Amino acid sequence: MNNLLAFATLLLSFSAQAQLRVSPLAPAAVPAALRRSGRVVQALRYTDHTGTYTVLATEIGPRPDPAAQNSDGQRADLYAYQYPATGPSPSWQVHDFVDDCPLDLEAGFLPKALSVTDLDQDGTAEVWLVYRTTCRGDVSPSTQKVIMYEGPRKYAVRGTSRIALGGGQHDGGTYNLDAAWAAAPTTFRQHAAQLWQQHRDERLSE
């Protein structure tokens, strides 16, 4: 009986893994009917046991900020959306921005920062995003975030990028996990740490 139970559990695990299918989607191939703001910079489509979804990462700006108190103030926004196959409205949305910035401005997703996993092998995908925002006039780290959704549940990692100061010294690179991670599987926290390590270092243009 124990062997039968173990075999059934193994089959369920393989079944959950087999149900996750992920494919990249060219920005030009994103359906126009999907309601969104900004320019699509990354996109993918995936299928898990709950259905098929399209995920977009979009950016706007930098551009003049009409609400800025400083005449040189700029604004930049970024968004992420997940759409079910059933309609053009997102099932979840992320929005972050920098506003009223008269300095060097950034709000953007990192290359290959949009990914999908099923780390706990339950058939429900985890969608991961990594991006940075900053308004700076000196050599300082950017704000960096890793956001993950499993179904409607959101998990966030917040901290700063790490920049080299010379002589083997660095500034930034630390992060904190929000309270949602406390009840998450260990594999989720491990993957979040790996993503942070992968994207942590920022090279500033001279």
Protein backbone atom coordinates (compact mmCIF):
# COMPACT_ATOMS: atom_id res chain seq x y z
CA MET A 1 0.00 0.00 0.00
CA ASN A 2 2.84 2.40 0.87
CA ASN A 3 4.51 1.66 -2.48
CA LEU A 4 1.23 2.32 -4.28
CA LEU A 5 0.81 5.65 -2.48
CA ALA A 6 4.36 6.70 -3.30
CA PHE A 7 3.85 5.76 -6.96
CA ALA A 8 0.59 7.72 -7.14
CA THR A 9 2.29 10.77 -5.59
CA LEU A 10 5.09 10.51 -8.14
CA LEU A 11 2.61 10.31 -11.00
CA LEU A 12 0.78 13.40 -9.73
CA SER A 13 4.10 15.24 -9.49
CA PHE A 14 5.03 14.35 -13.07
CA SER A 15 1.51 15.31 -14.21
CA ALA A 16 1.77 18.75 -12.59
CA GLN A 17 5.15 19.35 -14.20
CA ALA A 18 3.89 18.23 -17.61
CA GLN A 19 0.97 20.65 -17.43
CA LEU A 20 3.23 23.73 -17.32
CA ARG A 21 4.05 24.99 -20.79
CA VAL A 22 5.79 28.33 -21.37
CA SER A 23 6.54 30.05 -24.67
CA PRO A 24 7.98 33.49 -25.45
CA LEU A 25 5.77 35.99 -27.24
CA ALA A 26 7.21 38.67 -29.50
CA PRO A 27 6.00 42.17 -28.52
CA ALA A 28 4.69 42.68 -32.05
CA ALA A 29 2.56 39.53 -31.67
CA VAL A 30 0.75 40.71 -28.53
CA PRO A 31 -2.98 40.98 -29.28
CA ALA A 32 -4.10 44.61 -29.54
CA ALA A 33 -7.27 43.78 -27.59
CA LEU A 34 -5.35 43.25 -24.34
CA ARG A 35 -5.91 46.37 -22.25
CA ARG A 36 -2.62 47.90 -21.16
CA SER A 37 -0.54 51.04 -20.84
CA GLY A 38 2.93 51.54 -22.25
CA ARG A 39 5.23 49.83 -24.71
CA VAL A 40 5.55 46.05 -24.45
CA VAL A 41 9.17 45.14 -23.66
CA GLN A 42 8.75 41.49 -22.66
CA ALA A 43 5.90 39.01 -23.12
CA LEU A 44 5.18 35.32 -22.75
CA ARG A 45 2.32 32.85 -22.72
CA TYR A 46 1.97 29.90 -20.38
CA THR A 47 -0.44 27.11 -19.59
CA ASP A 48 -0.84 25.43 -16.21
CA HIS A 49 -3.64 23.32 -14.74
CA THR A 50 -5.79 26.44 -14.21
CA GLY A 51 -5.70 27.63 -17.83
CA THR A 52 -3.71 29.60 -20.40
CA TYR A 53 -2.41 33.10 -19.66
CA THR A 54 -0.53 35.93 -21.35
CA VAL A 55 1.92 37.98 -19.29
CA LEU A 56 3.21 41.40 -20.40
CA ALA A 57 5.86 43.77 -19.09
CA THR A 58 5.44 47.35 -20.36
CA GLU A 59 7.21 50.68 -19.87
CA ILE A 60 6.39 54.38 -20.40
CA GLY A 61 8.92 57.21 -20.40
CA PRO A 62 10.92 58.96 -19.25
CA ARG A 63 8.77 61.94 -20.19
CA PRO A 64 7.91 65.38 -18.76
CA ASP A 65 5.84 65.09 -15.61
CA PRO A 66 2.89 67.55 -15.79
CA ALA A 67 2.37 67.24 -12.03
CA ALA A 68 6.01 67.96 -11.15
CA GLN A 69 6.80 70.86 -8.87
CA ASN A 70 10.15 71.23 -10.62
CA SER A 71 10.02 72.40 -14.24
CA ASP A 72 12.64 69.77 -15.12
CA GLY A 73 10.69 66.99 -13.43
CA GLN A 74 10.37 63.75 -15.40
CA ARG A 75 8.21 60.66 -14.90
CA ALA A 76 8.56 57.02 -15.90
CA ASP A 77 6.14 54.13 -15.29
CA LEU A 78 6.30 50.38 -15.62
CA TYR A 79 3.52 47.80 -15.58
CA ALA A 80 3.11 44.05 -15.60
CA TYR A 81 -0.16 42.34 -16.50
CA GLN A 82 -1.49 38.80 -16.54
CA TYR A 83 -4.47 38.05 -18.79
CA PRO A 84 -6.57 34.87 -18.80
CA ALA A 85 -7.50 33.38 -22.14
CA THR A 86 -11.12 34.36 -21.48
CA GLY A 87 -10.83 38.12 -22.00
CA PRO A 88 -8.83 41.33 -22.44
CA SER A 89 -8.84 42.46 -18.79
CA PRO A 90 -5.92 41.45 -16.53
CA SER A 91 -6.36 39.04 -13.64
CA TRP A 92 -3.56 40.91 -11.83
CA GLN A 93 -1.50 44.02 -12.45
CA VAL A 94 1.73 45.55 -11.12
CA HIS A 95 2.39 49.29 -11.42
CA ASP A 96 5.48 51.15 -10.22
CA PHE A 97 6.88 54.54 -11.16
CA VAL A 98 9.26 57.42 -10.51
CA ASP A 99 7.84 60.95 -10.67
CA ASP A 100 8.98 64.57 -10.34
CA CYS A 101 12.60 63.58 -11.08
CA PRO A 102 14.95 66.31 -12.41
CA LEU A 103 17.95 63.93 -12.35
CA ASP A 104 18.84 60.63 -14.03
CA LEU A 105 15.62 58.64 -14.18
CA GLU A 106 15.00 54.92 -14.66
CA ALA A 107 11.97 52.65 -14.37
CA GLY A 108 12.49 49.46 -16.29
CA PHE A 109 12.48 45.68 -16.34
CA LEU A 110 15.81 43.92 -16.48
CA PRO A 111 16.70 41.74 -19.50
CA LYS A 112 15.11 38.27 -19.24
CA ALA A 113 13.43 39.42 -16.03
CA LEU A 114 10.08 37.81 -16.86
CA SER A 115 9.92 34.06 -16.12
CA VAL A 116 7.55 31.27 -15.08
CA THR A 117 8.16 28.26 -12.84
CA ASP A 118 6.28 25.56 -10.93
CA LEU A 119 8.74 25.06 -8.10
CA ASP A 120 6.33 23.35 -5.71
CA GLN A 121 5.02 21.11 -8.53
CA ASP A 122 1.39 21.72 -7.68
CA GLY A 123 0.35 22.53 -11.25
CA THR A 124 -0.11 26.26 -10.54
CA ALA A 125 2.57 28.44 -12.11
CA GLU A 126 4.64 31.09 -10.37
CA VAL A 127 5.26 34.25 -12.44
CA TRP A 128 8.43 36.22 -11.63
CA LEU A 129 9.34 39.84 -12.46
CA VAL A 130 12.56 41.77 -11.76
CA TYR A 131 12.88 45.53 -12.25
CA ARG A 132 14.63 48.69 -11.07
CA THR A 133 13.55 52.27 -10.42
CA THR A 134 15.76 55.24 -9.58
CA CYS A 135 16.10 59.01 -9.55
CA ARG A 136 19.71 59.91 -8.86
CA GLY A 137 22.34 62.52 -9.53
CA ASP A 138 25.28 60.65 -8.03
CA VAL A 139 26.83 57.17 -7.88
CA SER A 140 24.23 55.33 -5.83
CA PRO A 141 22.26 52.05 -6.10
CA SER A 142 18.84 51.77 -7.70
CA THR A 143 15.74 50.47 -5.98
CA GLN A 144 15.33 46.87 -7.11
CA LYS A 145 12.35 44.55 -6.71
CA VAL A 146 11.48 40.93 -7.39
CA ILE A 147 7.73 40.35 -7.62
CA MET A 148 6.16 36.88 -7.82
CA TYR A 149 2.57 35.82 -8.29
CA GLU A 150 1.21 32.33 -7.73
CA GLY A 151 -2.40 32.61 -8.78
CA PRO A 152 -3.74 35.78 -7.10
CA ARG A 153 -1.19 35.70 -4.26
CA LYS A 154 1.58 38.27 -4.48
CA TYR A 155 5.09 37.99 -3.02
CA ALA A 156 7.61 40.87 -3.06
CA VAL A 157 11.35 41.26 -2.46
CA ARG A 158 12.52 44.86 -2.04
CA GLY A 159 16.05 46.23 -1.82
CA THR A 160 18.75 47.90 -3.90
CA SER A 161 21.07 46.98 -6.70
CA ARG A 162 24.79 46.65 -5.93
CA ILE A 163 27.32 48.97 -7.57
CA ALA A 164 31.10 48.75 -7.56
CA LEU A 165 32.94 51.62 -5.88
CA GLY A 166 36.46 50.48 -6.79
CA GLY A 167 39.12 48.80 -4.72
CA GLY A 168 36.87 45.80 -4.20
CA GLN A 169 34.26 47.90 -2.39
CA HIS A 170 30.54 47.87 -3.16
CA ASP A 171 27.43 49.80 -2.20
CA GLY A 172 23.95 48.30 -1.91
CA GLY A 173 22.81 44.81 -2.85
CA THR A 174 20.72 44.04 0.24
CA TYR A 175 17.05 43.08 0.25
CA ASN A 176 14.07 42.18 2.43
CA LEU A 177 11.27 39.68 1.83
CA ASP A 178 7.72 40.75 2.65
CA ALA A 179 5.58 38.85 5.14
CA ALA A 180 3.94 36.62 2.51
CA TRP A 181 7.16 34.63 2.08
CA ALA A 182 7.01 33.33 5.67
CA ALA A 183 4.33 30.79 4.73
CA ALA A 184 5.75 30.06 1.27
CA PRO A 185 7.58 26.85 0.34
CA THR A 186 11.34 26.94 0.89
CA THR A 187 11.88 26.53 -2.85
CA PHE A 188 10.14 29.88 -3.43
CA ARG A 189 12.50 31.73 -1.09
CA GLN A 190 15.51 29.96 -2.55
CA HIS A 191 14.53 30.92 -6.08
CA ALA A 192 13.89 34.53 -5.03
CA ALA A 193 17.41 34.67 -3.56
CA GLN A 194 18.87 33.18 -6.74
CA LEU A 195 17.08 35.73 -8.92
CA TRP A 196 18.30 38.54 -6.70
CA GLN A 197 21.88 37.28 -6.90
CA GLN A 198 21.59 36.93 -10.68
CA HIS A 199 20.38 40.52 -11.20
CA ARG A 200 21.97 42.25 -8.19
CA ASP A 201 24.99 43.95 -9.79
CA GLU A 202 24.37 47.17 -11.68
CA ARG A 203 26.94 48.70 -13.99
CA LEU A 204 26.60 52.48 -14.18
CA SER A 205 27.33 54.16 -17.49
CA GLU A 206 30.25 56.57 -17.41
